[in-house]
């Protein structure tokens, strides 16, 4: 398995996440759109960060389960301000 086998398509990932998130119909339309946009952009940039971390940490080698656990932990601990 190559290191890019799990590379996320950022746009597709963000669309999937935004479309699966429910926003209350009781909110005004602008608030609904702002929440969806925030969700879309967050998902987009998290996918980008995942792809970057994967490329840096795996270096073209076949990843082990431990490699991916470490990658996911690093992603979880990283915040937007750290980028």
N, C-alpha and C. Protein backbone atom coordinates (compact mmCIF):
# COMPACT_ATOMS: atom_id res chain seq x y z
N UNK A 1 0.85 -1.18 0.00
CA UNK A 1 0.00 0.00 0.00
C UNK A 1 0.89 1.24 0.00
N UNK A 2 0.69 2.12 -0.93
CA UNK A 2 1.45 3.37 -1.01
C UNK A 2 0.93 4.35 0.03
N UNK A 3 1.79 5.33 0.38
CA UNK A 3 1.39 6.25 1.43
C UNK A 3 0.25 7.17 1.02
N UNK A 4 -0.06 7.28 -0.27
CA UNK A 4 -1.16 8.15 -0.68
C UNK A 4 -2.47 7.39 -0.87
N UNK A 5 -2.50 6.11 -0.50
CA UNK A 5 -3.73 5.35 -0.65
C UNK A 5 -4.87 5.92 0.17
N UNK A 6 -4.57 6.58 1.27
CA UNK A 6 -5.60 7.18 2.10
C UNK A 6 -5.64 8.69 1.98
N UNK A 7 -5.04 9.23 0.94
CA UNK A 7 -5.09 10.67 0.74
C UNK A 7 -6.53 11.08 0.51
N UNK A 8 -6.96 12.06 1.28
CA UNK A 8 -8.34 12.52 1.19
C UNK A 8 -8.50 13.56 0.09
N UNK A 9 -9.59 13.45 -0.64
CA UNK A 9 -9.97 14.50 -1.58
C UNK A 9 -10.64 15.57 -0.72
N UNK A 10 -9.98 16.70 -0.56
CA UNK A 10 -10.45 17.70 0.38
C UNK A 10 -11.85 18.22 0.07
N UNK A 11 -12.13 18.48 -1.20
CA UNK A 11 -13.45 19.01 -1.56
C UNK A 11 -14.55 17.98 -1.31
N UNK A 12 -14.31 16.75 -1.73
CA UNK A 12 -15.31 15.70 -1.54
C UNK A 12 -15.54 15.42 -0.05
N UNK A 13 -14.47 15.38 0.72
CA UNK A 13 -14.59 15.15 2.16
C UNK A 13 -15.39 16.27 2.81
N UNK A 14 -15.06 17.50 2.48
CA UNK A 14 -15.76 18.65 3.07
C UNK A 14 -17.24 18.66 2.68
N UNK A 15 -17.54 18.34 1.41
CA UNK A 15 -18.95 18.28 0.98
C UNK A 15 -19.70 17.20 1.75
N UNK A 16 -19.07 16.04 1.94
CA UNK A 16 -19.71 14.95 2.66
C UNK A 16 -20.01 15.35 4.10
N UNK A 17 -19.03 15.96 4.77
CA UNK A 17 -19.21 16.35 6.16
C UNK A 17 -20.29 17.43 6.28
N UNK A 18 -20.23 18.45 5.43
CA UNK A 18 -21.21 19.54 5.50
C UNK A 18 -22.62 19.04 5.20
N UNK A 19 -22.75 18.14 4.24
CA UNK A 19 -24.09 17.66 3.89
C UNK A 19 -24.66 16.72 4.94
N UNK A 20 -23.80 16.10 5.73
CA UNK A 20 -24.29 15.17 6.75
C UNK A 20 -24.62 15.87 8.07
N UNK A 21 -24.24 17.12 8.21
CA UNK A 21 -24.47 17.85 9.46
C UNK A 21 -25.84 18.55 9.41
N UNK A 22 -26.64 18.31 10.42
CA UNK A 22 -27.97 18.92 10.51
C UNK A 22 -27.89 20.26 11.24
N UNK A 23 -28.51 21.27 10.66
CA UNK A 23 -28.60 22.58 11.28
C UNK A 23 -30.08 22.89 11.47
N UNK A 24 -30.41 23.42 12.63
CA UNK A 24 -31.80 23.70 12.98
C UNK A 24 -32.46 24.63 11.97
N UNK A 25 -33.68 24.28 11.56
CA UNK A 25 -34.47 25.11 10.66
C UNK A 25 -35.00 26.36 11.36
N UNK A 26 -34.88 26.39 12.67
CA UNK A 26 -35.38 27.52 13.44
C UNK A 26 -34.46 28.73 13.35
N UNK A 27 -33.27 28.54 12.83
CA UNK A 27 -32.32 29.64 12.71
C UNK A 27 -32.61 30.45 11.45
N UNK A 28 -32.15 31.69 11.45
CA UNK A 28 -32.34 32.50 10.24
C UNK A 28 -31.41 31.96 9.14
N UNK A 29 -31.77 32.17 7.88
CA UNK A 29 -31.00 31.60 6.77
C UNK A 29 -29.51 31.95 6.78
N UNK A 30 -29.16 33.17 7.15
CA UNK A 30 -27.75 33.55 7.15
C UNK A 30 -26.97 32.74 8.19
N UNK A 31 -27.55 32.51 9.34
CA UNK A 31 -26.89 31.72 10.38
C UNK A 31 -26.70 30.29 9.93
N UNK A 32 -27.71 29.74 9.26
CA UNK A 32 -27.61 28.37 8.75
C UNK A 32 -26.45 28.26 7.76
N UNK A 33 -26.37 29.21 6.84
CA UNK A 33 -25.31 29.19 5.83
C UNK A 33 -23.94 29.37 6.48
N UNK A 34 -23.84 30.26 7.45
CA UNK A 34 -22.56 30.47 8.13
C UNK A 34 -22.11 29.20 8.84
N UNK A 35 -23.03 28.50 9.47
CA UNK A 35 -22.66 27.25 10.15
C UNK A 35 -22.21 26.20 9.15
N UNK A 36 -22.94 26.08 8.05
CA UNK A 36 -22.55 25.10 7.03
C UNK A 36 -21.19 25.45 6.42
N UNK A 37 -20.96 26.74 6.18
CA UNK A 37 -19.69 27.17 5.63
C UNK A 37 -18.55 26.89 6.61
N UNK A 38 -18.78 27.15 7.88
CA UNK A 38 -17.77 26.87 8.89
C UNK A 38 -17.45 25.38 8.93
N UNK A 39 -18.46 24.55 8.85
CA UNK A 39 -18.26 23.10 8.85
C UNK A 39 -17.50 22.67 7.60
N UNK A 40 -17.88 23.20 6.45
CA UNK A 40 -17.21 22.86 5.20
C UNK A 40 -15.73 23.23 5.26
N UNK A 41 -15.44 24.46 5.65
CA UNK A 41 -14.06 24.92 5.68
C UNK A 41 -13.22 24.16 6.71
N UNK A 42 -13.80 23.87 7.85
CA UNK A 42 -13.09 23.10 8.86
C UNK A 42 -12.74 21.72 8.34
N UNK A 43 -13.70 21.06 7.71
CA UNK A 43 -13.46 19.73 7.15
C UNK A 43 -12.41 19.79 6.04
N UNK A 44 -12.49 20.80 5.20
CA UNK A 44 -11.55 20.96 4.09
C UNK A 44 -10.12 21.07 4.61
N UNK A 45 -9.92 21.95 5.58
CA UNK A 45 -8.56 22.16 6.09
C UNK A 45 -8.07 21.03 6.98
N UNK A 46 -8.96 20.33 7.65
CA UNK A 46 -8.54 19.15 8.39
C UNK A 46 -8.10 18.04 7.45
N UNK A 47 -8.78 17.89 6.32
CA UNK A 47 -8.37 16.90 5.32
C UNK A 47 -7.00 17.27 4.76
N UNK A 48 -6.79 18.55 4.52
CA UNK A 48 -5.48 19.00 4.03
C UNK A 48 -4.40 18.69 5.06
N UNK A 49 -4.68 18.97 6.31
CA UNK A 49 -3.69 18.70 7.37
C UNK A 49 -3.42 17.21 7.49
N UNK A 50 -4.46 16.38 7.40
CA UNK A 50 -4.27 14.93 7.44
C UNK A 50 -3.35 14.50 6.31
N UNK A 51 -3.61 14.97 5.10
CA UNK A 51 -2.78 14.61 3.95
C UNK A 51 -1.33 15.03 4.15
N UNK A 52 -1.13 16.23 4.69
CA UNK A 52 0.23 16.72 4.95
C UNK A 52 0.94 15.86 6.00
N UNK A 53 0.24 15.58 7.10
CA UNK A 53 0.83 14.76 8.15
C UNK A 53 1.15 13.36 7.66
N UNK A 54 0.26 12.80 6.86
CA UNK A 54 0.49 11.47 6.32
C UNK A 54 1.73 11.46 5.43
N UNK A 55 1.86 12.44 4.58
CA UNK A 55 3.01 12.51 3.68
C UNK A 55 4.32 12.68 4.46
N UNK A 56 4.28 13.48 5.52
CA UNK A 56 5.49 13.72 6.32
C UNK A 56 5.87 12.52 7.16
N UNK A 57 4.90 11.86 7.75
CA UNK A 57 5.21 10.81 8.72
C UNK A 57 5.46 9.44 8.10
N UNK A 58 4.92 9.17 6.92
CA UNK A 58 5.05 7.83 6.36
C UNK A 58 6.16 7.72 5.32
N UNK A 59 6.56 8.82 4.71
CA UNK A 59 7.71 8.85 3.80
C UNK A 59 7.71 7.74 2.75
N UNK A 60 6.56 7.41 2.19
CA UNK A 60 6.50 6.43 1.12
C UNK A 60 6.62 4.99 1.55
N UNK A 61 6.66 4.73 2.83
CA UNK A 61 6.78 3.36 3.32
C UNK A 61 5.40 2.78 3.65
N UNK A 62 5.34 1.48 3.68
CA UNK A 62 4.10 0.82 4.04
C UNK A 62 3.79 1.11 5.52
N UNK A 63 2.64 1.73 5.79
CA UNK A 63 2.34 2.12 7.17
C UNK A 63 1.86 0.93 8.01
N UNK A 64 2.23 0.97 9.26
CA UNK A 64 1.74 -0.02 10.21
C UNK A 64 0.54 0.58 10.94
N UNK A 65 -0.16 -0.26 11.67
CA UNK A 65 -1.28 0.23 12.47
C UNK A 65 -0.78 1.27 13.47
N UNK A 66 0.40 1.04 14.02
CA UNK A 66 0.97 1.98 14.98
C UNK A 66 1.26 3.33 14.31
N UNK A 67 1.73 3.29 13.06
CA UNK A 67 1.98 4.53 12.32
C UNK A 67 0.71 5.36 12.20
N UNK A 68 -0.39 4.69 11.84
CA UNK A 68 -1.65 5.42 11.68
C UNK A 68 -2.21 5.88 13.01
N UNK A 69 -2.03 5.11 14.06
CA UNK A 69 -2.48 5.54 15.38
C UNK A 69 -1.73 6.81 15.80
N UNK A 70 -0.43 6.84 15.52
CA UNK A 70 0.37 8.02 15.84
C UNK A 70 -0.06 9.20 14.99
N UNK A 71 -0.32 8.96 13.71
CA UNK A 71 -0.78 10.01 12.80
C UNK A 71 -2.10 10.60 13.29
N UNK A 72 -3.04 9.75 13.66
CA UNK A 72 -4.34 10.22 14.13
C UNK A 72 -4.22 10.98 15.44
N UNK A 73 -3.34 10.53 16.31
CA UNK A 73 -3.12 11.23 17.58
C UNK A 73 -2.56 12.62 17.31
N UNK A 74 -1.61 12.70 16.39
CA UNK A 74 -1.01 13.98 16.05
C UNK A 74 -2.06 14.92 15.45
N UNK A 75 -2.92 14.40 14.60
CA UNK A 75 -3.98 15.20 14.01
C UNK A 75 -4.95 15.69 15.08
N UNK A 76 -5.29 14.84 16.00
CA UNK A 76 -6.22 15.19 17.07
C UNK A 76 -5.64 16.29 17.96
N UNK A 77 -4.36 16.25 18.21
CA UNK A 77 -3.73 17.21 19.12
C UNK A 77 -3.40 18.53 18.43
N UNK A 78 -3.42 18.58 17.11
CA UNK A 78 -3.07 19.78 16.37
C UNK A 78 -4.30 20.66 16.22
N UNK A 79 -4.14 21.93 16.48
CA UNK A 79 -5.22 22.91 16.34
C UNK A 79 -4.87 23.86 15.20
N UNK A 80 -5.89 24.54 14.67
CA UNK A 80 -5.66 25.46 13.55
C UNK A 80 -4.59 26.48 13.87
N UNK A 81 -4.54 26.98 15.09
CA UNK A 81 -3.54 27.96 15.46
C UNK A 81 -2.12 27.45 15.37
N UNK A 82 -1.95 26.12 15.41
CA UNK A 82 -0.62 25.52 15.34
C UNK A 82 -0.12 25.39 13.90
N UNK A 83 -0.97 25.61 12.91
CA UNK A 83 -0.59 25.40 11.53
C UNK A 83 0.21 26.59 11.09
